[in-house]
Amino acid sequence: MGISKWMPSILTFTNLSLGFLALVLLYTGNERMALSLVILALCFDGVDGRLARKLNVTAVFGKELDSLSDNFSFGIVPAYFYVVHQSEITSLHLVLALVFLICGTFQVAKYNTDFLYGSSENVLLGLPINVAGIMVAIMSYMTIFPIYVEALIIVILSILMVPEIPYPSLKGYQPTKKIHFLLPILTAIIFIVFPIVTFAMLSLYVLIGLINAFFNVDVLQKSNQ
């Protein structure tokens, strides 16, 4: 198979590299480009698993590598994004960022040990860190909410990553062959150009888990059939 068996890992390392570059850009004050790179990292995060399954090279190593990269790009980077964007950094900002990072790390560890809900490959336990991270990054960059609302959103996103609330796994979705790898790229372009729309769409995704948890509505049943 040659180098092709390493292609999924190369894409995963690209995710990690984009997260690191975003961190550097945040340090230099280029928040718009940093946000674009974090969203682009989400694109590669969606492609590596699909490519691994297509090449039949899925392994524990690949899953571990993917989770570690996700924890950096969608955990550490968004937490840092939230802190450095503040006009005046307080201890509360640091605590909120740390809570988000801890809960995100917990979610990634849980994903590695028991990431499937029952026997379905279409369901994840807990809000995925990539969804929560993108929302925090967009919210921090656009400053669309008052400070206290931002704090509340970070707390809610952090909490939702911990309990075993079932969420549909977008990685388990199998599109047609024509858009198999094109879909994540098109999604990333739309997300980068329209970040506020992205935030709204991801908010609806978050609500799916809340409906499942508080109203016992099995909104995922159709996806498992």
N, C-alpha and C. Protein backbone atom coordinates (compact mmCIF):
# COMPACT_ATOMS: atom_id res chain seq x y z
N MET A 1 0.83 -1.20 0.00
CA MET A 1 0.00 0.00 0.00
C MET A 1 0.86 1.26 0.00
N GLY A 2 2.12 1.13 0.52
CA GLY A 2 3.05 2.23 0.47
C GLY A 2 2.63 3.43 1.30
N ILE A 3 2.85 4.60 0.71
CA ILE A 3 2.61 5.84 1.44
C ILE A 3 1.12 6.09 1.69
N SER A 4 0.26 5.43 0.92
CA SER A 4 -1.17 5.69 1.06
C SER A 4 -1.69 5.35 2.46
N LYS A 5 -1.06 4.37 3.12
CA LYS A 5 -1.53 4.01 4.46
C LYS A 5 -1.24 5.10 5.48
N TRP A 6 -0.33 6.01 5.14
CA TRP A 6 -0.01 7.11 6.05
C TRP A 6 -0.80 8.38 5.75
N MET A 7 -1.57 8.38 4.66
CA MET A 7 -2.31 9.58 4.28
C MET A 7 -3.28 10.06 5.35
N PRO A 8 -4.07 9.16 5.99
CA PRO A 8 -4.96 9.64 7.06
C PRO A 8 -4.19 10.33 8.19
N SER A 9 -3.03 9.78 8.56
CA SER A 9 -2.23 10.39 9.63
C SER A 9 -1.66 11.73 9.18
N ILE A 10 -1.31 11.85 7.90
CA ILE A 10 -0.81 13.12 7.37
C ILE A 10 -1.90 14.19 7.47
N LEU A 11 -3.13 13.81 7.16
CA LEU A 11 -4.25 14.75 7.28
C LEU A 11 -4.48 15.14 8.74
N THR A 12 -4.32 14.17 9.63
CA THR A 12 -4.46 14.46 11.06
C THR A 12 -3.38 15.42 11.53
N PHE A 13 -2.15 15.20 11.08
CA PHE A 13 -1.06 16.12 11.43
C PHE A 13 -1.29 17.51 10.83
N THR A 14 -1.97 17.56 9.69
CA THR A 14 -2.32 18.85 9.10
C THR A 14 -3.30 19.59 10.00
N ASN A 15 -4.26 18.86 10.55
CA ASN A 15 -5.19 19.42 11.53
C ASN A 15 -4.41 20.02 12.70
N LEU A 16 -3.47 19.26 13.22
CA LEU A 16 -2.64 19.72 14.34
C LEU A 16 -1.81 20.94 13.96
N SER A 17 -1.23 20.91 12.76
CA SER A 17 -0.39 22.02 12.30
C SER A 17 -1.20 23.30 12.14
N LEU A 18 -2.41 23.18 11.62
CA LEU A 18 -3.27 24.35 11.47
C LEU A 18 -3.63 24.93 12.83
N GLY A 19 -3.85 24.05 13.80
CA GLY A 19 -4.13 24.52 15.15
C GLY A 19 -2.95 25.29 15.73
N PHE A 20 -1.74 24.79 15.49
CA PHE A 20 -0.54 25.47 15.99
C PHE A 20 -0.36 26.83 15.32
N LEU A 21 -0.55 26.87 13.99
CA LEU A 21 -0.43 28.14 13.28
C LEU A 21 -1.48 29.14 13.76
N ALA A 22 -2.68 28.64 14.06
CA ALA A 22 -3.73 29.52 14.60
C ALA A 22 -3.30 30.10 15.93
N LEU A 23 -2.64 29.29 16.75
CA LEU A 23 -2.17 29.75 18.04
C LEU A 23 -1.13 30.86 17.87
N VAL A 24 -0.22 30.68 16.91
CA VAL A 24 0.80 31.70 16.63
C VAL A 24 0.15 32.99 16.14
N LEU A 25 -0.85 32.86 15.26
CA LEU A 25 -1.54 34.04 14.74
C LEU A 25 -2.29 34.78 15.84
N LEU A 26 -2.85 34.03 16.77
CA LEU A 26 -3.52 34.67 17.90
C LEU A 26 -2.52 35.47 18.73
N TYR A 27 -1.33 34.91 18.88
CA TYR A 27 -0.28 35.60 19.65
C TYR A 27 0.12 36.90 18.97
N THR A 28 0.09 36.91 17.63
CA THR A 28 0.48 38.11 16.89
C THR A 28 -0.70 39.06 16.67
N GLY A 29 -1.90 38.64 17.07
CA GLY A 29 -3.06 39.52 16.96
C GLY A 29 -3.91 39.35 15.72
N ASN A 30 -3.58 38.37 14.87
CA ASN A 30 -4.34 38.14 13.64
C ASN A 30 -5.47 37.15 13.92
N GLU A 31 -6.54 37.64 14.54
CA GLU A 31 -7.62 36.76 14.98
C GLU A 31 -8.45 36.22 13.81
N ARG A 32 -8.65 37.02 12.78
CA ARG A 32 -9.48 36.57 11.65
C ARG A 32 -8.85 35.39 10.95
N MET A 33 -7.57 35.46 10.67
CA MET A 33 -6.88 34.35 10.02
C MET A 33 -6.81 33.15 10.95
N ALA A 34 -6.63 33.40 12.23
CA ALA A 34 -6.58 32.30 13.20
C ALA A 34 -7.90 31.54 13.21
N LEU A 35 -9.02 32.27 13.18
CA LEU A 35 -10.33 31.62 13.14
C LEU A 35 -10.48 30.79 11.88
N SER A 36 -10.03 31.31 10.75
CA SER A 36 -10.11 30.58 9.49
C SER A 36 -9.32 29.28 9.55
N LEU A 37 -8.15 29.31 10.17
CA LEU A 37 -7.33 28.11 10.27
C LEU A 37 -7.96 27.07 11.19
N VAL A 38 -8.59 27.52 12.26
CA VAL A 38 -9.26 26.58 13.16
C VAL A 38 -10.41 25.89 12.44
N ILE A 39 -11.17 26.67 11.67
CA ILE A 39 -12.27 26.08 10.90
C ILE A 39 -11.73 25.15 9.82
N LEU A 40 -10.62 25.53 9.19
CA LEU A 40 -10.00 24.67 8.19
C LEU A 40 -9.51 23.37 8.81
N ALA A 41 -9.04 23.45 10.05
CA ALA A 41 -8.63 22.24 10.76
C ALA A 41 -9.80 21.28 10.92
N LEU A 42 -11.00 21.84 11.09
CA LEU A 42 -12.20 21.02 11.19
C LEU A 42 -12.43 20.24 9.90
N CYS A 43 -12.08 20.85 8.77
CA CYS A 43 -12.21 20.19 7.47
C CYS A 43 -11.33 18.94 7.42
N PHE A 44 -10.06 19.08 7.80
CA PHE A 44 -9.15 17.94 7.78
C PHE A 44 -9.54 16.90 8.83
N ASP A 45 -10.13 17.36 9.93
CA ASP A 45 -10.61 16.43 10.94
C ASP A 45 -11.74 15.57 10.40
N GLY A 46 -12.51 16.12 9.46
CA GLY A 46 -13.60 15.36 8.88
C GLY A 46 -13.17 14.44 7.76
N VAL A 47 -12.00 14.70 7.18
CA VAL A 47 -11.55 13.92 6.03
C VAL A 47 -10.70 12.72 6.43
N ASP A 48 -9.88 12.87 7.48
CA ASP A 48 -8.91 11.82 7.80
C ASP A 48 -9.58 10.48 8.11
N GLY A 49 -10.67 10.52 8.88
CA GLY A 49 -11.36 9.28 9.22
C GLY A 49 -11.99 8.61 8.02
N ARG A 50 -12.58 9.42 7.15
CA ARG A 50 -13.20 8.87 5.93
C ARG A 50 -12.15 8.21 5.04
N LEU A 51 -10.99 8.87 4.93
CA LEU A 51 -9.93 8.31 4.10
C LEU A 51 -9.40 7.01 4.70
N ALA A 52 -9.27 6.97 6.02
CA ALA A 52 -8.78 5.76 6.69
C ALA A 52 -9.73 4.59 6.43
N ARG A 53 -11.04 4.85 6.50
CA ARG A 53 -12.00 3.77 6.25
C ARG A 53 -11.98 3.35 4.79
N LYS A 54 -11.81 4.30 3.90
CA LYS A 54 -11.77 3.98 2.48
C LYS A 54 -10.55 3.13 2.14
N LEU A 55 -9.41 3.44 2.78
CA LEU A 55 -8.18 2.70 2.53
C LEU A 55 -8.07 1.46 3.40
N ASN A 56 -9.05 1.29 4.30
CA ASN A 56 -9.06 0.15 5.22
C ASN A 56 -7.79 0.11 6.07
N VAL A 57 -7.43 1.28 6.63
CA VAL A 57 -6.23 1.36 7.47
C VAL A 57 -6.58 1.91 8.85
N THR A 58 -7.84 1.74 9.25
CA THR A 58 -8.25 2.21 10.57
C THR A 58 -7.53 1.42 11.66
N ALA A 59 -7.09 2.10 12.70
CA ALA A 59 -6.37 1.46 13.80
C ALA A 59 -6.49 2.31 15.05
N VAL A 60 -6.15 1.70 16.19
CA VAL A 60 -6.20 2.41 17.46
C VAL A 60 -5.25 3.61 17.43
N PHE A 61 -4.09 3.43 16.79
CA PHE A 61 -3.12 4.52 16.70
C PHE A 61 -3.72 5.74 16.02
N GLY A 62 -4.43 5.51 14.92
CA GLY A 62 -5.03 6.62 14.19
C GLY A 62 -6.07 7.36 15.01
N LYS A 63 -6.86 6.60 15.77
CA LYS A 63 -7.89 7.23 16.60
C LYS A 63 -7.25 8.05 17.71
N GLU A 64 -6.20 7.51 18.32
CA GLU A 64 -5.50 8.23 19.38
C GLU A 64 -4.87 9.52 18.84
N LEU A 65 -4.25 9.41 17.68
CA LEU A 65 -3.61 10.57 17.06
C LEU A 65 -4.63 11.64 16.72
N ASP A 66 -5.77 11.21 16.19
CA ASP A 66 -6.83 12.14 15.84
C ASP A 66 -7.36 12.86 17.07
N SER A 67 -7.53 12.13 18.16
CA SER A 67 -8.06 12.73 19.39
C SER A 67 -7.09 13.73 20.00
N LEU A 68 -5.80 13.40 19.98
CA LEU A 68 -4.80 14.32 20.51
C LEU A 68 -4.75 15.61 19.69
N SER A 69 -4.86 15.47 18.38
CA SER A 69 -4.86 16.65 17.51
C SER A 69 -6.11 17.49 17.76
N ASP A 70 -7.25 16.82 17.92
CA ASP A 70 -8.50 17.53 18.20
C ASP A 70 -8.42 18.29 19.52
N ASN A 71 -7.80 17.67 20.51
CA ASN A 71 -7.70 18.32 21.81
C ASN A 71 -6.88 19.61 21.72
N PHE A 72 -5.90 19.62 20.83
CA PHE A 72 -5.09 20.83 20.66
C PHE A 72 -5.84 21.88 19.83
N SER A 73 -6.31 21.48 18.64
CA SER A 73 -6.91 22.44 17.72
C SER A 73 -8.25 22.97 18.19
N PHE A 74 -9.03 22.13 18.89
CA PHE A 74 -10.38 22.53 19.29
C PHE A 74 -10.56 22.64 20.80
N GLY A 75 -9.46 22.41 21.54
CA GLY A 75 -9.51 22.58 22.98
C GLY A 75 -8.59 23.70 23.44
N ILE A 76 -7.30 23.51 23.24
CA ILE A 76 -6.31 24.50 23.67
C ILE A 76 -6.44 25.81 22.90
N VAL A 77 -6.53 25.72 21.57
CA VAL A 77 -6.58 26.94 20.75
C VAL A 77 -7.83 27.79 21.04
N PRO A 78 -9.05 27.22 21.06
CA PRO A 78 -10.21 28.05 21.39
C PRO A 78 -10.16 28.63 22.80
N ALA A 79 -9.65 27.86 23.76
CA ALA A 79 -9.53 28.38 25.13
C ALA A 79 -8.59 29.58 25.15
N TYR A 80 -7.48 29.48 24.44
CA TYR A 80 -6.54 30.60 24.34
C TYR A 80 -7.17 31.77 23.58
N PHE A 81 -7.93 31.45 22.54
CA PHE A 81 -8.64 32.46 21.75
C PHE A 81 -9.54 33.30 22.67
N TYR A 82 -10.29 32.62 23.52
CA TYR A 82 -11.22 33.31 24.42
C TYR A 82 -10.48 34.25 25.36
N VAL A 83 -9.33 33.82 25.85
CA VAL A 83 -8.58 34.63 26.82
C VAL A 83 -7.95 35.86 26.15
N VAL A 84 -7.23 35.65 25.05
CA VAL A 84 -6.48 36.76 24.45
C VAL A 84 -7.39 37.78 23.78
N HIS A 85 -8.62 37.39 23.48
CA HIS A 85 -9.54 38.34 22.83
C HIS A 85 -10.08 39.38 23.80
N GLN A 86 -10.00 39.08 25.08
CA GLN A 86 -10.54 40.01 26.08
C GLN A 86 -9.72 41.29 26.14
N SER A 87 -10.42 42.41 26.27
CA SER A 87 -9.73 43.70 26.38
C SER A 87 -8.97 43.79 27.69
N GLU A 88 -9.49 43.12 28.72
CA GLU A 88 -8.82 43.06 30.02
C GLU A 88 -9.00 41.66 30.59
N ILE A 89 -7.91 40.92 30.66
CA ILE A 89 -7.96 39.53 31.11
C ILE A 89 -8.08 39.49 32.63
N THR A 90 -9.10 38.79 33.10
CA THR A 90 -9.32 38.64 34.54
C THR A 90 -9.16 37.18 34.93
N SER A 91 -9.17 36.93 36.22
CA SER A 91 -9.07 35.56 36.72
C SER A 91 -10.26 34.72 36.27
N LEU A 92 -11.43 35.36 36.11
CA LEU A 92 -12.62 34.64 35.65
C LEU A 92 -12.43 34.11 34.24
N HIS A 93 -11.83 34.90 33.37
CA HIS A 93 -11.56 34.45 32.01
C HIS A 93 -10.64 33.24 32.01
N LEU A 94 -9.63 33.29 32.84
CA LEU A 94 -8.68 32.17 32.92
C LEU A 94 -9.35 30.92 33.45
N VAL A 95 -10.20 31.08 34.45
CA VAL A 95 -10.91 29.93 35.03
C VAL A 95 -11.85 29.31 34.00
N LEU A 96 -12.60 30.14 33.29
CA LEU A 96 -13.53 29.64 32.28
C LEU A 96 -12.80 28.90 31.17
N ALA A 97 -11.68 29.47 30.72
CA ALA A 97 -10.90 28.83 29.67
C ALA A 97 -10.34 27.49 30.15
N LEU A 98 -9.90 27.46 31.40
CA LEU A 98 -9.35 26.23 31.96
C LEU A 98 -10.43 25.16 32.12
N VAL A 99 -11.61 25.57 32.57
CA VAL A 99 -12.73 24.63 32.71
C VAL A 99 -13.08 24.04 31.35
N PHE A 100 -13.13 24.89 30.33
CA PHE A 100 -13.43 24.41 28.98
C PHE A 100 -12.39 23.40 28.52
N LEU A 101 -11.12 23.71 28.75
CA LEU A 101 -10.04 22.82 28.33
C LEU A 101 -10.09 21.49 29.08
N ILE A 102 -10.35 21.53 30.38
CA ILE A 102 -10.43 20.30 31.17
C ILE A 102 -11.59 19.43 30.70
N CYS A 103 -12.75 20.03 30.50
CA CYS A 103 -13.92 19.27 30.05
C CYS A 103 -13.70 18.72 28.65
N GLY A 104 -13.05 19.51 27.79
CA GLY A 104 -12.75 19.03 26.45
C GLY A 104 -11.79 17.86 26.46
N THR A 105 -10.78 17.92 27.32
CA THR A 105 -9.83 16.82 27.45
C THR A 105 -10.53 15.57 27.97
N PHE A 106 -11.44 15.77 28.91
CA PHE A 106 -12.23 14.65 29.43
C PHE A 106 -13.06 14.02 28.32
N GLN A 107 -13.66 14.85 27.48
CA GLN A 107 -14.49 14.34 26.39
C GLN A 107 -13.66 13.53 25.40
N VAL A 108 -12.47 14.01 25.09
CA VAL A 108 -11.60 13.29 24.17
C VAL A 108 -11.18 11.95 24.74
N ALA A 109 -10.83 11.93 26.03
CA ALA A 109 -10.44 10.68 26.68
C ALA A 109 -11.60 9.69 26.70
N LYS A 110 -12.80 10.20 26.96
CA LYS A 110 -13.99 9.35 26.97
C LYS A 110 -14.28 8.82 25.58
N TYR A 111 -14.05 9.66 24.57
CA TYR A 111 -14.26 9.24 23.18
C TYR A 111 -13.34 8.08 22.83
N ASN A 112 -12.12 8.12 23.33
CA ASN A 112 -11.16 7.06 23.02
C ASN A 112 -11.51 5.74 23.69
N THR A 113 -12.13 5.80 24.86
CA THR A 113 -12.41 4.57 25.61
C THR A 113 -13.81 4.02 25.36
N ASP A 114 -14.77 4.91 25.16
CA ASP A 114 -16.15 4.45 24.97
C ASP A 114 -16.91 5.49 24.16
N PHE A 115 -16.52 5.63 22.88
CA PHE A 115 -17.07 6.71 22.08
C PHE A 115 -18.34 6.32 21.33
N LEU A 116 -18.74 5.07 21.42
CA LEU A 116 -19.94 4.64 20.71
C LEU A 116 -21.10 4.48 21.67
N TYR A 117 -22.28 4.85 21.22
CA TYR A 117 -23.50 4.69 22.01
C TYR A 117 -24.18 3.42 21.55
N GLY A 118 -24.06 2.36 22.34
CA GLY A 118 -24.56 1.06 21.93
C GLY A 118 -23.68 0.52 20.82
N SER A 119 -24.35 0.00 19.76
CA SER A 119 -23.62 -0.58 18.64
C SER A 119 -23.62 0.34 17.42
N SER A 120 -24.19 1.52 17.59
CA SER A 120 -24.29 2.44 16.45
C SER A 120 -23.00 3.21 16.24
N GLU A 121 -22.61 3.36 14.98
CA GLU A 121 -21.43 4.16 14.64
C GLU A 121 -21.82 5.60 14.33
N ASN A 122 -23.09 5.91 14.49
CA ASN A 122 -23.57 7.24 14.15
C ASN A 122 -23.81 8.12 15.36
N VAL A 123 -23.43 7.65 16.54
CA VAL A 123 -23.73 8.40 17.76
C VAL A 123 -22.48 8.54 18.62
N LEU A 124 -22.28 9.73 19.18
CA LEU A 124 -21.19 10.00 20.11
C LEU A 124 -21.76 10.33 21.48
N LEU A 125 -20.98 10.07 22.50
CA LEU A 125 -21.40 10.38 23.87
C LEU A 125 -20.79 11.70 24.30
N GLY A 126 -21.62 12.67 24.57
CA GLY A 126 -21.13 13.99 24.95
C GLY A 126 -20.95 14.88 23.73
N LEU A 127 -21.05 16.18 23.95
CA LEU A 127 -20.85 17.14 22.87
C LEU A 127 -19.42 17.04 22.35
N PRO A 128 -19.21 16.81 21.05
CA PRO A 128 -17.86 16.69 20.51
C PRO A 128 -17.05 17.96 20.73
N ILE A 129 -15.77 17.79 21.03
CA ILE A 129 -14.91 18.93 21.33
C ILE A 129 -14.74 19.84 20.11
N ASN A 130 -14.80 19.27 18.90
CA ASN A 130 -14.62 20.13 17.72
C ASN A 130 -15.79 21.09 17.55
N VAL A 131 -17.01 20.64 17.86
CA VAL A 131 -18.17 21.52 17.79
C VAL A 131 -18.07 22.63 18.84
N ALA A 132 -17.78 22.23 20.08
CA ALA A 132 -17.66 23.21 21.16
C ALA A 132 -16.53 24.19 20.89
N GLY A 133 -15.41 23.70 20.39
CA GLY A 133 -14.26 24.56 20.14
C GLY A 133 -14.51 25.59 19.06
N ILE A 134 -15.15 25.16 17.97
CA ILE A 134 -15.47 26.10 16.89
C ILE A 134 -16.42 27.18 17.38
N MET A 135 -17.40 26.79 18.20
CA MET A 135 -18.35 27.77 18.73
C MET A 135 -17.66 28.80 19.62
N VAL A 136 -16.75 28.35 20.46
CA VAL A 136 -16.02 29.27 21.33
C VAL A 136 -15.15 30.21 20.51
N ALA A 137 -14.49 29.68 19.48
CA ALA A 137 -13.63 30.51 18.64
C ALA A 137 -14.43 31.58 17.90
N ILE A 138 -15.56 31.18 17.32
CA ILE A 138 -16.40 32.14 16.60
C ILE A 138 -16.96 33.19 17.55
N MET A 139 -17.45 32.74 18.70
CA MET A 139 -18.02 33.66 19.69
C MET A 139 -16.98 34.66 20.17
N SER A 140 -15.76 34.19 20.37
CA SER A 140 -14.70 35.06 20.86
C SER A 140 -14.32 36.10 19.81
N TYR A 141 -14.23 35.67 18.56
CA TYR A 141 -13.81 36.58 17.50
C TYR A 141 -14.87 37.64 17.19
N MET A 142 -16.13 37.23 17.12
CA MET A 142 -17.18 38.13 16.66
C MET A 142 -17.75 39.01 17.77
N THR A 143 -17.52 38.62 19.02
CA THR A 143 -18.05 39.38 20.16
C THR A 143 -19.54 39.66 19.96
N ILE A 144 -20.30 38.61 19.73
CA ILE A 144 -21.73 38.76 19.43
C ILE A 144 -22.59 38.76 20.68
N PHE A 145 -22.00 38.46 21.84
CA PHE A 145 -22.76 38.42 23.08
C PHE A 145 -22.10 39.29 24.14
N PRO A 146 -22.87 39.74 25.13
CA PRO A 146 -22.28 40.41 26.29
C PRO A 146 -21.33 39.46 27.02
N ILE A 147 -20.46 40.01 27.83
CA ILE A 147 -19.45 39.21 28.52
C ILE A 147 -20.07 38.11 29.37
N TYR A 148 -21.13 38.43 30.10
CA TYR A 148 -21.73 37.43 30.98
C TYR A 148 -22.41 36.31 30.19
N VAL A 149 -22.94 36.63 29.00
CA VAL A 149 -23.55 35.61 28.15
C VAL A 149 -22.46 34.69 27.58
N GLU A 150 -21.34 35.27 27.18
CA GLU A 150 -20.21 34.47 26.71
C GLU A 150 -19.77 33.49 27.79
N ALA A 151 -19.68 33.98 29.02
CA ALA A 151 -19.27 33.12 30.13
C ALA A 151 -20.26 31.98 30.32
N LEU A 152 -21.55 32.28 30.23
CA LEU A 152 -22.59 31.26 30.39
C LEU A 152 -22.51 30.22 29.28
N ILE A 153 -22.28 30.66 28.05
CA ILE A 153 -22.18 29.74 26.93
C ILE A 153 -20.99 28.80 27.09
N ILE A 154 -19.86 29.34 27.54
CA ILE A 154 -18.68 28.49 27.75
C ILE A 154 -18.95 27.45 28.83
N VAL A 155 -19.62 27.85 29.89
CA VAL A 155 -19.97 26.91 30.96
C VAL A 155 -20.89 25.81 30.42
N ILE A 156 -21.90 26.19 29.64
CA ILE A 156 -22.84 25.21 29.09
C ILE A 156 -22.13 24.24 28.15
N LEU A 157 -21.31 24.77 27.25
CA LEU A 157 -20.58 23.91 26.32
C LEU A 157 -19.65 22.96 27.06
N SER A 158 -19.00 23.47 28.10
CA SER A 158 -18.09 22.64 28.90
C SER A 158 -18.84 21.50 29.57
N ILE A 159 -19.97 21.83 30.18
CA ILE A 159 -20.77 20.82 30.88
C ILE A 159 -21.28 19.75 29.92
N LEU A 160 -21.71 20.16 28.73
CA LEU A 160 -22.28 19.22 27.77
C LEU A 160 -21.26 18.22 27.22
N MET A 161 -19.97 18.53 27.36
CA MET A 161 -18.95 17.59 26.90
C MET A 161 -18.71 16.45 27.87
N VAL A 162 -19.22 16.57 29.10
CA VAL A 162 -18.91 15.59 30.14
C VAL A 162 -19.90 14.44 30.22
N PRO A 163 -21.22 14.67 30.37
CA PRO A 163 -22.16 13.56 30.54
C PRO A 163 -22.35 12.78 29.25
N GLU A 164 -22.93 11.60 29.37
CA GLU A 164 -23.12 10.72 28.21
C GLU A 164 -24.41 11.07 27.47
N ILE A 165 -24.47 12.28 26.95
CA ILE A 165 -25.60 12.72 26.14
C ILE A 165 -25.32 12.32 24.70
N PRO A 166 -26.22 11.57 24.07
CA PRO A 166 -25.97 11.12 22.69
C PRO A 166 -26.09 12.24 21.67
N TYR A 167 -25.07 12.36 20.85
CA TYR A 167 -25.07 13.31 19.75
C TYR A 167 -24.79 12.57 18.45
N PRO A 168 -25.41 12.97 17.35
CA PRO A 168 -25.13 12.31 16.07
C PRO A 168 -23.69 12.56 15.65
N SER A 169 -23.01 11.51 15.22
CA SER A 169 -21.63 11.64 14.77
C SER A 169 -21.61 11.98 13.29
N LEU A 170 -21.14 13.17 12.98
CA LEU A 170 -21.06 13.58 11.58
C LEU A 170 -20.00 12.78 10.83
N LYS A 171 -19.03 12.24 11.58
CA LYS A 171 -18.00 11.42 10.93
C LYS A 171 -18.58 10.09 10.46
N GLY A 172 -19.66 9.66 11.10
CA GLY A 172 -20.29 8.41 10.69
C GLY A 172 -21.15 8.55 9.46
N TYR A 173 -21.45 9.79 9.07
CA TYR A 173 -22.27 10.02 7.88
C TYR A 173 -21.49 9.65 6.63
N GLN A 174 -22.11 8.86 5.76
CA GLN A 174 -21.45 8.42 4.55
C GLN A 174 -22.15 9.01 3.33
N PRO A 175 -21.62 10.09 2.76
CA PRO A 175 -22.23 10.69 1.57
C PRO A 175 -21.93 9.86 0.33
N THR A 176 -22.50 10.28 -0.79
CA THR A 176 -22.24 9.58 -2.03
C THR A 176 -20.77 9.74 -2.43
N LYS A 177 -20.31 8.87 -3.30
CA LYS A 177 -18.89 8.88 -3.67
C LYS A 177 -18.46 10.20 -4.29
N LYS A 178 -19.37 10.86 -5.01
CA LYS A 178 -19.01 12.09 -5.70
C LYS A 178 -18.65 13.21 -4.74
N ILE A 179 -19.28 13.20 -3.55
CA ILE A 179 -19.03 14.29 -2.59
C ILE A 179 -18.38 13.76 -1.32
N HIS A 180 -17.84 12.52 -1.40
CA HIS A 180 -17.31 11.87 -0.21
C HIS A 180 -16.25 12.71 0.49
N PHE A 181 -15.32 13.25 -0.29
CA PHE A 181 -14.24 14.06 0.28
C PHE A 181 -14.44 15.55 -0.01
N LEU A 182 -15.33 15.86 -0.94
CA LEU A 182 -15.57 17.25 -1.28
C LEU A 182 -16.44 17.94 -0.25
N LEU A 183 -17.33 17.18 0.40
CA LEU A 183 -18.27 17.77 1.36
C LEU A 183 -17.59 18.50 2.51
N PRO A 184 -16.58 17.91 3.19
CA PRO A 184 -15.92 18.65 4.28
C PRO A 184 -15.25 19.94 3.80
N ILE A 185 -14.71 19.93 2.58
CA ILE A 185 -14.05 21.12 2.05
C ILE A 185 -15.07 22.23 1.78
N LEU A 186 -16.18 21.86 1.15
CA LEU A 186 -17.24 22.84 0.89
C LEU A 186 -17.81 23.38 2.19
N THR A 187 -17.96 22.49 3.16
CA THR A 187 -18.46 22.91 4.47
C THR A 187 -17.51 23.91 5.12
N ALA A 188 -16.21 23.64 5.03
CA ALA A 188 -15.22 24.55 5.63
C ALA A 188 -15.26 25.92 4.97
N ILE A 189 -15.43 25.95 3.65
CA ILE A 189 -15.49 27.24 2.94
C ILE A 189 -16.69 28.05 3.41
N ILE A 190 -17.84 27.39 3.51
CA ILE A 190 -19.06 28.08 3.96
C ILE A 190 -18.88 28.57 5.39
N PHE A 191 -18.29 27.71 6.24
CA PHE A 191 -18.08 28.07 7.64
C PHE A 191 -17.16 29.28 7.78
N ILE A 192 -16.11 29.34 6.94
CA ILE A 192 -15.15 30.44 7.02
C ILE A 192 -15.78 31.75 6.55
N VAL A 193 -16.55 31.69 5.46
CA VAL A 193 -17.14 32.90 4.88
C VAL A 193 -18.29 33.43 5.74
N PHE A 194 -19.05 32.51 6.33
CA PHE A 194 -20.22 32.91 7.12
C PHE A 194 -20.13 32.36 8.54
N PRO A 195 -19.23 32.89 9.37
CA PRO A 195 -19.06 32.35 10.72
C PRO A 195 -20.30 32.47 11.60
N ILE A 196 -21.09 33.53 11.42
CA ILE A 196 -22.28 33.69 12.25
C ILE A 196 -23.31 32.62 11.92
N VAL A 197 -23.41 32.25 10.63
CA VAL A 197 -24.30 31.17 10.23
C VAL A 197 -23.80 29.85 10.80
N THR A 198 -22.50 29.69 10.80
CA THR A 198 -21.89 28.49 11.38
C THR A 198 -22.25 28.36 12.85
N PHE A 199 -22.15 29.45 13.58
CA PHE A 199 -22.48 29.44 15.00
C PHE A 199 -23.94 29.05 15.21
N ALA A 200 -24.83 29.57 14.37
CA ALA A 200 -26.25 29.25 14.49
C ALA A 200 -26.51 27.77 14.20
N MET A 201 -25.85 27.23 13.18
CA MET A 201 -26.03 25.82 12.83
C MET A 201 -25.52 24.91 13.93
N LEU A 202 -24.37 25.23 14.49
CA LEU A 202 -23.81 24.42 15.56
C LEU A 202 -24.65 24.54 16.82
N SER A 203 -25.28 25.69 17.03
CA SER A 203 -26.17 25.85 18.18
C SER A 203 -27.36 24.90 18.08
N LEU A 204 -27.89 24.72 16.87
CA LEU A 204 -28.98 23.77 16.66
C LEU A 204 -28.51 22.35 16.95
N TYR A 205 -27.28 22.05 16.56
CA TYR A 205 -26.71 20.73 16.85
C TYR A 205 -26.63 20.49 18.35
N VAL A 206 -26.21 21.52 19.08
CA VAL A 206 -26.14 21.42 20.54
C VAL A 206 -27.52 21.15 21.13
N LEU A 207 -28.55 21.78 20.57
CA LEU A 207 -29.91 21.61 21.08
C LEU A 207 -30.41 20.18 20.91
N ILE A 208 -29.89 19.46 19.92
CA ILE A 208 -30.30 18.07 19.72
C ILE A 208 -30.02 17.26 20.97
N GLY A 209 -28.83 17.44 21.52
CA GLY A 209 -28.47 16.72 22.74
C GLY A 209 -29.31 17.15 23.93
N LEU A 210 -29.61 18.44 24.02
CA LEU A 210 -30.42 18.94 25.13
C LEU A 210 -31.84 18.38 25.05
N ILE A 211 -32.39 18.31 23.85
CA ILE A 211 -33.73 17.73 23.68
C ILE A 211 -33.70 16.26 24.08
N ASN A 212 -32.65 15.56 23.66
CA ASN A 212 -32.51 14.15 24.00
C ASN A 212 -32.45 13.94 25.51
N ALA A 213 -31.71 14.81 26.18
CA ALA A 213 -31.47 14.63 27.61
C ALA A 213 -32.67 15.01 28.47
N PHE A 214 -33.32 16.11 28.15
CA PHE A 214 -34.35 16.65 29.03
C PHE A 214 -35.77 16.25 28.66
N PHE A 215 -35.99 15.85 27.42
CA PHE A 215 -37.34 15.52 27.01
C PHE A 215 -37.49 14.07 26.55
N ASN A 216 -36.38 13.31 26.62
CA ASN A 216 -36.40 11.90 26.23
C ASN A 216 -36.98 11.69 24.84
N VAL A 217 -36.62 12.59 23.93
CA VAL A 217 -37.03 12.44 22.55
C VAL A 217 -35.88 11.80 21.79
N ASP A 218 -36.14 10.62 21.24
CA ASP A 218 -35.07 9.91 20.54
C ASP A 218 -34.92 10.47 19.13
N VAL A 219 -34.29 11.64 19.06
CA VAL A 219 -34.13 12.30 17.76
C VAL A 219 -33.10 11.58 16.89
N LEU A 220 -32.38 10.62 17.47
CA LEU A 220 -31.34 9.93 16.70
C LEU A 220 -31.82 8.61 16.13
N GLN A 221 -33.06 8.24 16.40
CA GLN A 221 -33.54 6.93 16.01
C GLN A 221 -33.50 6.75 14.50
N LYS A 222 -33.90 7.81 13.78
CA LYS A 222 -33.92 7.71 12.33
C LYS A 222 -32.53 7.50 11.76
N SER A 223 -31.51 8.10 12.40
CA SER A 223 -30.15 7.98 11.88
C SER A 223 -29.58 6.59 12.09
N ASN A 224 -30.19 5.81 13.00
CA ASN A 224 -29.69 4.47 13.28
C ASN A 224 -30.42 3.41 12.46
N GLN A 225 -31.46 3.82 11.73
CA GLN A 225 -32.23 2.86 10.96
C GLN A 225 -31.65 2.70 9.56
